């Protein structure tokens, strides 16, 4: 266990990553407080500024990354220290890459609106495709299921062979309203961590670069990680250069974060906010 208190979508066309109608819920309920954590940057590494990061996963000493955009989506193996792409597979031009994870000796890569998950062997060779309904955004897993976000406040647990939904959880804000725009996911020490796409928007949170920590059993919001200001130069270059990429190395308890077309990858420690 690491020493803290319990740690996909594009220069997308207009209308993409649409929030569900649930966001128009009536007046908020009284606010329940949840803890907010901050960060310390431990190391900074180069990151390919052309990589529209949609999924990030640490495996056997390398980062594996899914990048988005039509005609430019990839699945790549990256050297952490140098940011160099060691190996890469390009998706067909009509696919938009999204969340990525490694489970039971296979990589799974979602696509945004195409209803297709690409499956790869551990050496990145193709191993088939899976079909699913709805949009694909973030992807992670627990010890039994793949876990998928679709940009709403609902997270699905699916069977890896069939992509059949086994169960769902609903994630709400402190005030009871749906926490929409849940995006890239990582499963860390029994929690789901979810990037909140455009969390700076008033209708979402009104706070930039926030990650939600979620109880996978109930969907209860356990807290936020406030990463505002971690890469201001990248964020200023384009409004779509949002935080999107969480990877965890359980062997060393290292946490990595980056964003869409960010020039840097950050290794961070998460700590309580004073």
Foldseek 3Di string as FASTA:
>chain_A
DDPADQADDFPDPPPPLPEDPLLVDPDFAPFDDAFEWEWDFPDKAFAFLQFQFAEWEDDPQWIWTWGFDQPFTKTFTAHGHHNDTPDIDHDHRPWTWHAWEAAPQWIWIFTFQPQKIWIAGNVRHTDDIAGDDATFFAWEADNAFIWTDRQYQKIFTAGVVHRHTPDIAGAPHRRGGGQGQFGYWYQDNQWIKTFRQPCCDVSHPVAAGKIWTAHPVHNYTNYIYRHPPVQVVQCVVDVQFGWHYWYADVVVRWIWTGTGSGRMITTIDIYGDD
